[in-house]
Amino acid sequence: MALRDWYADRELLLTGVTSDVGRALLEKILRSFPNVKVYVIVRPRHGFNKDNRIKNIFLSPRFERLRHEVPDAISRVKVLQGNVLYDGLGTAKADRERLGKVSVVLHAAGPSDGVLRFCQELPRLQAVVVVSSIFRHASDGEISESAMEKEVVLEGPVALVRVPLVGSAVREPMPGFVDVFKGPTALMVGAGLARGNSEFQAEIIPIDLAVNTLIAVAWERATAKNVEGPVVYNAAPIGCTWSDLIKKGRRSNRKFTYPTFGLRGMTSMAAVHWILVLLFECLPSALCDTILGLLGAKKRLLEEQQRVRNALRSLESISSRPWSAERNRVYLVQQRLTPEDQDAFPVATEIDVESYVLCTAAAAKKYCVDESNISLVKIFRLLFFFLIAAALFLAFVSPFRGHHVLEKHSEL
């Protein structure tokens, strides 16, 4: 049975809907399967109850396409108050009874033990998909397609999907879309100098391909024959090196400049890295903020530089070493999909890296950048260039004039 036919009219349970992957997963499901009902577990937070948190999610830029194409999609989302860390997911008894028809559980964030235990109570369950970071499962540099003992507490139709670093979208809901500024985005848009070995493979997966993998793996796990127990799928990265992303990022940065000072790229030398960051990122940003403060304006450039630095720091442990992972199962899932489903839910596909990076830079400028910072950085750069040029001019002219005065004095 084709993937879209299999999902028709199903009831799904989705946890972690407030995470990046969870939000993207909910958007894709609602847009792709018009008759699917989705239950989500949400806890009140920061003064917002469960319903307000879901409404805020639907009002975010990620759901703009869904709001336009399927305006009533939110009516198919049933919000349950709970917490995945508690027994029974922290839900009320009446809410747990409402989940009796759920056949697919997609766990998109947080510890999985409680979720897997709860799944044993679902009478119609056909697939449970748990997502985690692929880097937690390396053994002697190798990441196999076998489950680790600590991952599994439930026998049954369980699929464990391990993903690399999650980057911007390659296609959906729009090319390059990104609304959360993290390490992969910071590197691709040329926001600053990263630390790592640029010749290693870039362990990044576009968020829409990560979501497609979760959806396709649930279908594959439920419909595969003669399979028992948990099955591991290591999701596929974009298929290029860090160096490729950096080179393409330099080109896109000319068109979509990121509002920070400093060098762009990656170096493996820790001492050189921090010296360059201090001299060409921290000091110029601090100087500019000092000038802004003296003028009575808001200090902002050092804060932006720190945001970039925090994002790039998250790459260090990944980009500083090579990773070797088995990915046979995820490629087999891609082959098993029908041509129509391969187009709608690609999980391993060739990516035009230059186009991907360019679209990411454009989306980052739209959704992650304060436009006024761009103008400020341009003004201060021109000011610095002028001051440097003036200093060089004075350094060159002053000795020449002094020598000329001495010659005149000698003639007298």
Protein backbone atom coordinates (compact mmCIF):
# COMPACT_ATOMS: atom_id res chain seq x y z
CA MET A 1 0.00 0.00 0.00
CA ALA A 2 1.33 3.45 -0.94
CA LEU A 3 2.31 5.79 1.86
CA ARG A 4 -0.45 8.36 1.36
CA ASP A 5 -3.10 5.65 1.07
CA TRP A 6 -1.85 4.04 4.27
CA TYR A 7 -2.05 7.31 6.22
CA ALA A 8 -5.57 8.16 5.04
CA ASP A 9 -8.10 8.65 7.88
CA ARG A 10 -5.63 7.65 10.61
CA GLU A 11 -5.36 9.11 14.11
CA LEU A 12 -1.84 10.04 15.19
CA LEU A 13 -0.22 11.02 18.47
CA LEU A 14 2.58 13.57 18.25
CA THR A 15 4.83 14.57 21.14
CA GLY A 16 7.40 17.37 21.14
CA VAL A 17 5.22 19.61 18.97
CA THR A 18 6.85 22.72 20.43
CA SER A 19 10.31 21.62 19.21
CA ASP A 20 11.68 22.56 15.77
CA VAL A 21 11.21 19.08 14.35
CA GLY A 22 7.83 18.66 16.06
CA ARG A 23 6.44 21.88 14.55
CA ALA A 24 7.72 20.96 11.09
CA LEU A 25 6.28 17.46 11.44
CA LEU A 26 2.85 18.76 12.41
CA GLU A 27 2.80 21.21 9.49
CA LYS A 28 3.75 18.53 6.96
CA ILE A 29 1.20 16.01 8.26
CA LEU A 30 -1.68 18.47 8.21
CA ARG A 31 -0.79 19.72 4.73
CA SER A 32 -0.22 16.26 3.23
CA PHE A 33 -3.02 14.16 4.75
CA PRO A 34 -6.35 16.03 4.67
CA ASN A 35 -8.27 13.45 6.72
CA VAL A 36 -5.72 12.65 9.42
CA LYS A 37 -6.48 13.64 13.01
CA VAL A 38 -3.51 14.55 15.21
CA TYR A 39 -3.39 14.46 19.00
CA VAL A 40 -0.61 16.53 20.55
CA ILE A 41 0.69 16.54 24.12
CA VAL A 42 1.42 20.07 25.37
CA ARG A 43 2.18 21.39 28.84
CA PRO A 44 1.34 24.93 30.05
CA ARG A 45 4.41 27.17 30.15
CA HIS A 46 5.34 30.80 30.81
CA GLY A 47 1.72 31.71 31.55
CA PHE A 48 0.36 30.15 28.33
CA ASN A 49 -2.03 27.21 28.53
CA LYS A 50 -2.00 24.31 26.08
CA ASP A 51 -4.48 25.91 23.66
CA ASN A 52 -2.67 29.24 23.54
CA ARG A 53 0.64 27.53 22.85
CA ILE A 54 -0.82 25.66 19.88
CA LYS A 55 -2.44 28.85 18.55
CA ASN A 56 0.92 30.62 18.74
CA ILE A 57 2.53 27.77 16.82
CA PHE A 58 -0.10 28.06 14.09
CA LEU A 59 0.51 31.80 13.84
CA SER A 60 4.26 31.33 13.29
CA PRO A 61 5.89 31.81 9.85
CA ARG A 62 6.38 28.05 9.44
CA PHE A 63 2.61 27.59 9.15
CA GLU A 64 2.03 30.41 6.67
CA ARG A 65 1.72 28.05 3.71
CA LEU A 66 -0.60 25.73 5.63
CA ARG A 67 -2.82 28.65 6.68
CA HIS A 68 -3.13 29.64 3.03
CA GLU A 69 -3.66 26.14 1.57
CA VAL A 70 -5.65 24.49 4.39
CA PRO A 71 -7.21 27.26 6.52
CA ASP A 72 -9.17 24.88 8.75
CA ALA A 73 -6.26 22.52 9.45
CA ILE A 74 -6.13 23.44 13.13
CA SER A 75 -9.57 21.86 13.60
CA ARG A 76 -7.94 18.44 13.10
CA VAL A 77 -5.51 18.99 15.98
CA LYS A 78 -6.69 17.83 19.40
CA VAL A 79 -4.58 19.31 22.19
CA LEU A 80 -4.11 17.27 25.37
CA GLN A 81 -2.45 18.70 28.46
CA GLY A 82 0.38 16.51 29.72
CA ASN A 83 4.08 15.89 30.15
CA VAL A 84 6.06 13.07 28.53
CA LEU A 85 8.19 12.71 31.68
CA TYR A 86 5.21 11.53 33.75
CA ASP A 87 3.37 8.21 33.83
CA GLY A 88 0.57 8.10 31.30
CA LEU A 89 2.25 11.13 29.68
CA GLY A 90 0.76 13.21 32.48
CA THR A 91 -2.65 13.19 30.77
CA ALA A 92 -6.10 12.90 32.34
CA LYS A 93 -7.89 9.54 32.24
CA ALA A 94 -10.55 10.89 29.87
CA ASP A 95 -7.86 12.10 27.46
CA ARG A 96 -6.10 8.74 27.51
CA GLU A 97 -9.36 7.06 26.56
CA ARG A 98 -9.66 9.40 23.56
CA LEU A 99 -6.40 7.95 22.22
CA GLY A 100 -7.90 4.49 21.73
CA LYS A 101 -7.93 4.81 17.93
CA VAL A 102 -4.35 6.08 17.61
CA SER A 103 -2.32 3.80 15.33
CA VAL A 104 0.87 5.88 14.87
CA VAL A 105 2.95 7.59 17.55
CA LEU A 106 5.65 10.08 16.54
CA HIS A 107 7.91 11.10 19.41
CA ALA A 108 9.80 14.21 18.30
CA ALA A 109 11.54 15.38 21.46
CA GLY A 110 12.65 14.43 24.95
CA PRO A 111 13.26 11.11 26.74
CA SER A 112 11.44 8.19 25.19
CA ASP A 113 11.00 5.71 28.05
CA GLY A 114 7.68 7.09 29.26
CA VAL A 115 6.32 7.39 25.73
CA LEU A 116 7.26 3.80 24.86
CA ARG A 117 5.67 2.49 28.05
CA PHE A 118 2.49 4.43 27.32
CA CYS A 119 2.34 2.99 23.80
CA GLN A 120 1.78 -0.48 25.28
CA GLU A 121 -1.70 0.72 26.30
CA LEU A 122 -2.76 1.66 22.74
CA PRO A 123 -4.85 -1.20 21.32
CA ARG A 124 -4.57 -0.20 17.63
CA LEU A 125 -0.89 0.75 17.59
CA GLN A 126 0.94 -0.10 14.33
CA ALA A 127 4.09 2.04 14.56
CA VAL A 128 6.06 4.07 17.08
CA VAL A 129 8.81 6.35 15.73
CA VAL A 130 11.34 7.89 18.11
CA VAL A 131 13.78 10.55 16.91
CA SER A 132 17.17 11.17 18.51
CA SER A 133 20.59 12.59 17.63
CA ILE A 134 22.80 10.27 15.61
CA PHE A 135 25.90 11.49 17.45
CA ARG A 136 24.82 9.90 20.72
CA HIS A 137 25.23 6.44 19.29
CA ALA A 138 28.80 6.37 17.96
CA SER A 139 30.93 3.43 19.04
CA ASP A 140 34.61 3.61 18.09
CA GLY A 141 33.69 6.10 15.35
CA GLU A 142 31.08 3.78 13.82
CA ILE A 143 27.31 4.28 14.01
CA SER A 144 25.56 1.02 13.23
CA GLU A 145 21.95 0.27 12.38
CA SER A 146 21.41 -1.77 15.53
CA ALA A 147 19.63 -0.57 18.65
CA MET A 148 21.59 0.13 21.80
CA GLU A 149 20.31 -1.52 24.94
CA LYS A 150 19.47 1.76 26.66
CA GLU A 151 17.31 2.91 23.72
CA VAL A 152 14.59 0.28 23.89
CA VAL A 153 12.14 -0.57 26.67
CA LEU A 154 9.33 -1.89 24.47
CA GLU A 155 9.05 -4.81 22.14
CA GLY A 156 6.80 -4.13 19.21
CA PRO A 157 6.56 -1.98 16.07
CA VAL A 158 9.24 0.50 17.18
CA ALA A 159 11.46 2.49 14.81
CA LEU A 160 14.39 4.55 16.04
CA VAL A 161 15.32 7.40 13.69
CA ARG A 162 18.69 9.00 14.37
CA VAL A 163 19.24 12.34 12.67
CA PRO A 164 22.35 14.52 12.07
CA LEU A 165 22.31 18.24 12.83
CA VAL A 166 19.01 19.66 11.62
CA GLY A 167 19.40 22.53 9.15
CA SER A 168 17.14 24.76 7.10
CA ALA A 169 14.52 23.32 4.74
CA VAL A 170 15.58 22.34 1.26
CA ARG A 171 12.06 22.57 -0.16
CA GLU A 172 9.16 22.75 2.33
CA PRO A 173 7.32 24.76 3.44
CA MET A 174 9.53 26.91 1.19
CA PRO A 175 13.15 26.56 -0.04
CA GLY A 176 15.68 27.55 2.61
CA PHE A 177 13.07 28.20 5.29
CA VAL A 178 14.52 28.69 8.76
CA ASP A 179 12.96 30.40 11.76
CA VAL A 180 15.36 29.25 14.49
CA PHE A 181 18.97 30.40 14.22
CA LYS A 182 21.30 27.46 14.93
CA GLY A 183 24.79 26.28 14.05
CA PRO A 184 24.19 24.91 10.52
CA THR A 185 22.42 28.13 9.50
CA ALA A 186 25.11 30.34 11.03
CA LEU A 187 27.78 28.49 9.04
CA MET A 188 25.89 28.53 5.74
CA VAL A 189 25.07 32.23 5.85
CA GLY A 190 28.66 33.16 6.72
CA ALA A 191 27.84 34.69 10.09
CA GLY A 192 31.26 34.04 11.62
CA LEU A 193 34.32 31.79 11.94
CA ALA A 194 33.62 28.20 13.00
CA ARG A 195 35.98 25.66 14.50
CA GLY A 196 36.40 22.26 12.83
CA ASN A 197 37.91 20.40 9.91
CA SER A 198 36.35 21.71 6.71
CA GLU A 199 37.28 18.56 4.75
CA PHE A 200 34.99 16.28 6.77
CA GLN A 201 31.46 15.47 5.61
CA ALA A 202 28.87 18.01 6.72
CA GLU A 203 26.58 16.02 9.01
CA ILE A 204 23.49 18.15 8.36
CA ILE A 205 20.01 17.13 7.27
CA PRO A 206 17.42 19.65 6.01
CA ILE A 207 14.54 19.74 8.44
CA ASP A 208 11.96 18.81 5.81
CA LEU A 209 13.93 15.68 4.87
CA ALA A 210 14.14 14.77 8.56
CA VAL A 211 10.36 15.11 8.80
CA ASN A 212 9.83 13.05 5.63
CA THR A 213 12.06 10.36 7.11
CA LEU A 214 9.93 10.11 10.25
CA ILE A 215 6.71 9.91 8.24
CA ALA A 216 8.08 7.34 5.79
CA VAL A 217 9.71 5.20 8.48
CA ALA A 218 6.39 4.91 10.37
CA TRP A 219 4.76 3.62 7.18
CA GLU A 220 7.67 1.28 6.41
CA ARG A 221 7.82 -0.13 9.95
CA ALA A 222 4.10 -0.83 10.04
CA THR A 223 3.87 -2.43 6.60
CA ALA A 224 7.15 -4.38 6.54
CA LYS A 225 6.65 -8.14 6.82
CA ASN A 226 8.43 -10.55 9.14
CA VAL A 227 10.03 -7.80 11.21
CA GLU A 228 10.02 -7.97 15.00
CA GLY A 229 11.32 -5.62 17.65
CA PRO A 230 12.92 -2.21 17.21
CA VAL A 231 14.48 -1.18 13.90
CA VAL A 232 17.09 1.59 13.55
CA TYR A 233 17.26 4.09 10.69
CA ASN A 234 20.19 6.51 10.44
CA ALA A 235 18.93 9.50 8.45
CA ALA A 236 20.97 10.69 5.45
CA PRO A 237 22.91 14.00 5.45
CA ILE A 238 23.06 16.49 2.57
CA GLY A 239 26.08 14.87 0.90
CA CYS A 240 28.83 17.50 0.88
CA THR A 241 31.73 18.69 3.03
CA TRP A 242 31.82 21.63 5.42
CA SER A 243 34.14 23.27 2.90
CA ASP A 244 31.47 23.05 0.20
CA LEU A 245 28.97 24.84 2.43
CA ILE A 246 31.49 27.54 3.31
CA LYS A 247 32.40 28.24 -0.32
CA LYS A 248 28.77 28.48 -1.34
CA GLY A 249 28.08 30.58 1.76
CA ARG A 250 30.68 33.17 0.74
CA ARG A 251 28.85 33.66 -2.55
CA SER A 252 25.44 33.96 -0.95
CA ASN A 253 26.82 36.34 1.70
CA ARG A 254 27.62 38.88 -1.00
CA LYS A 255 23.92 39.08 -1.78
CA PHE A 256 22.47 38.48 1.68
CA THR A 257 25.01 39.96 4.07
CA TYR A 258 24.80 38.79 7.66
CA PRO A 259 25.14 41.71 10.13
CA THR A 260 28.29 40.67 12.00
CA PHE A 261 31.97 41.54 11.80
CA GLY A 262 34.79 39.06 11.42
CA LEU A 263 36.08 36.35 9.15
CA ARG A 264 33.90 33.65 7.61
CA GLY A 265 34.78 29.99 7.29
CA MET A 266 36.29 27.26 9.47
CA THR A 267 39.66 26.49 11.04
CA SER A 268 40.84 23.45 12.99
CA MET A 269 43.43 25.38 15.04
CA ALA A 270 41.90 26.34 18.38
CA ALA A 271 44.38 29.11 19.26
CA VAL A 272 44.13 30.72 15.82
CA HIS A 273 40.35 30.44 15.96
CA TRP A 274 39.97 32.31 19.23
CA ILE A 275 42.55 34.98 18.34
CA LEU A 276 40.71 35.75 15.11
CA VAL A 277 37.34 35.74 16.86
CA LEU A 278 38.62 38.14 19.52
CA LEU A 279 40.30 40.54 17.11
CA PHE A 280 37.83 40.57 14.23
CA GLU A 281 34.49 39.77 15.92
CA CYS A 282 34.46 40.66 19.61
CA LEU A 283 36.52 43.84 19.57
CA PRO A 284 34.80 45.53 16.58
CA SER A 285 31.37 44.62 18.00
CA ALA A 286 32.28 45.99 21.43
CA LEU A 287 33.69 49.18 19.90
CA CYS A 288 30.55 49.74 17.85
CA ASP A 289 28.32 49.20 20.88
CA THR A 290 30.41 51.70 22.81
CA ILE A 291 29.88 54.28 20.08
CA LEU A 292 26.16 53.50 19.98
CA GLY A 293 25.98 53.90 23.75
CA LEU A 294 27.69 57.27 23.62
CA LEU A 295 25.17 58.36 21.00
CA GLY A 296 22.29 57.24 23.21
CA ALA A 297 21.31 54.38 20.89
CA LYS A 298 20.60 50.76 21.79
CA LYS A 299 23.66 48.49 22.04
CA ARG A 300 23.01 45.50 19.81
CA LEU A 301 26.03 44.28 17.80
CA LEU A 302 27.84 42.51 20.63
CA GLU A 303 24.61 40.69 21.48
CA GLU A 304 24.25 39.58 17.85
CA GLN A 305 27.88 38.47 17.76
CA GLN A 306 27.32 36.39 20.89
CA ARG A 307 24.23 34.78 19.37
CA VAL A 308 26.29 33.76 16.34
CA ARG A 309 29.14 32.55 18.55
CA ASN A 310 26.78 30.35 20.59
CA ALA A 311 25.30 28.89 17.41
CA LEU A 312 28.67 28.09 15.86
CA ARG A 313 29.97 26.65 19.13
CA SER A 314 27.32 23.92 18.89
CA LEU A 315 29.04 22.67 15.70
CA GLU A 316 32.48 22.15 17.22
CA SER A 317 32.07 18.62 18.57
CA ILE A 318 30.51 17.53 15.27
CA SER A 319 32.68 19.30 12.70
CA SER A 320 35.97 18.46 14.43
CA ARG A 321 35.84 14.74 13.68
CA PRO A 322 34.70 12.36 10.96
CA TRP A 323 31.55 10.28 11.40
CA SER A 324 30.84 6.95 9.80
CA ALA A 325 27.26 5.66 9.83
CA GLU A 326 25.40 2.81 8.19
CA ARG A 327 22.47 4.19 6.23
CA ASN A 328 21.28 1.20 4.22
CA ARG A 329 17.77 1.12 5.67
CA VAL A 330 16.92 4.73 4.93
CA TYR A 331 18.00 4.30 1.30
CA LEU A 332 15.83 1.17 1.07
CA VAL A 333 12.87 3.18 2.37
CA GLN A 334 13.44 5.71 -0.42
CA GLN A 335 13.44 2.91 -3.01
CA ARG A 336 10.29 1.32 -1.59
CA LEU A 337 8.24 4.51 -1.94
CA THR A 338 6.17 4.93 -5.09
CA PRO A 339 7.41 7.58 -7.56
CA GLU A 340 4.64 9.92 -6.38
CA ASP A 341 5.56 9.42 -2.73
CA GLN A 342 9.26 9.82 -3.50
CA ASP A 343 8.47 13.25 -4.87
CA ALA A 344 6.21 14.21 -1.96
CA PHE A 345 8.24 12.62 0.86
CA PRO A 346 11.89 12.33 -0.25
CA VAL A 347 14.15 10.97 2.49
CA ALA A 348 17.44 10.64 0.60
CA THR A 349 17.82 12.81 -2.48
CA GLU A 350 20.45 14.81 -4.33
CA ILE A 351 20.63 18.45 -3.27
CA ASP A 352 21.88 21.42 -5.24
CA VAL A 353 24.09 22.75 -2.46
CA GLU A 354 24.59 26.20 -4.00
CA SER A 355 20.85 26.76 -4.37
CA TYR A 356 20.25 25.34 -0.88
CA VAL A 357 22.72 27.72 0.75
CA LEU A 358 21.48 30.73 -1.24
CA CYS A 359 17.87 30.08 -0.23
CA THR A 360 18.95 29.60 3.38
CA ALA A 361 20.73 32.96 3.38
CA ALA A 362 17.65 34.66 1.93
CA ALA A 363 15.33 33.05 4.49
CA ALA A 364 17.69 33.81 7.38
CA LYS A 365 17.75 37.47 6.38
CA LYS A 366 13.94 37.51 6.34
CA TYR A 367 13.18 35.55 9.52
CA CYS A 368 16.31 35.69 11.72
CA VAL A 369 17.93 39.09 11.12
CA ASP A 370 17.18 42.57 12.38
CA GLU A 371 17.33 44.64 9.17
CA SER A 372 18.55 47.72 11.05
CA ASN A 373 21.66 45.78 12.14
CA ILE A 374 22.64 45.31 8.50
CA SER A 375 22.72 49.06 7.94
CA LEU A 376 24.68 49.62 11.15
CA VAL A 377 27.34 47.07 10.22
CA LYS A 378 27.72 48.60 6.75
CA ILE A 379 28.14 52.10 8.24
CA PHE A 380 30.70 50.96 10.81
CA ARG A 381 32.63 48.98 8.21
CA LEU A 382 32.91 52.08 6.03
CA LEU A 383 34.00 54.06 9.09
CA PHE A 384 36.68 51.49 9.96
CA PHE A 385 37.95 51.41 6.39
CA PHE A 386 38.13 55.21 6.37
CA LEU A 387 40.03 55.30 9.66
CA ILE A 388 42.46 52.60 8.51
CA ALA A 389 43.01 54.39 5.20
CA ALA A 390 43.57 57.68 7.04
CA ALA A 391 46.03 56.03 9.43
CA LEU A 392 47.97 54.48 6.55
CA PHE A 393 47.98 57.79 4.71
CA LEU A 394 49.34 59.65 7.74
CA ALA A 395 51.87 56.90 8.40
CA PHE A 396 53.13 57.23 4.83
CA VAL A 397 52.92 61.02 4.42
CA SER A 398 54.36 62.09 7.80
CA PRO A 399 57.84 60.55 7.31
CA PHE A 400 57.94 61.87 3.74
CA ARG A 401 57.10 65.42 4.86
CA GLY A 402 59.61 65.22 7.69
CA HIS A 403 62.33 64.14 5.29
CA HIS A 404 61.40 66.97 2.91
CA VAL A 405 61.62 69.56 5.74
CA LEU A 406 65.07 68.29 6.75
CA GLU A 407 66.33 68.64 3.17
CA LYS A 408 65.14 72.27 3.05
CA HIS A 409 66.77 72.99 6.37
CA SER A 410 70.07 71.53 5.13
CA GLU A 411 69.98 73.74 2.03
CA LEU A 412 69.61 76.80 4.21
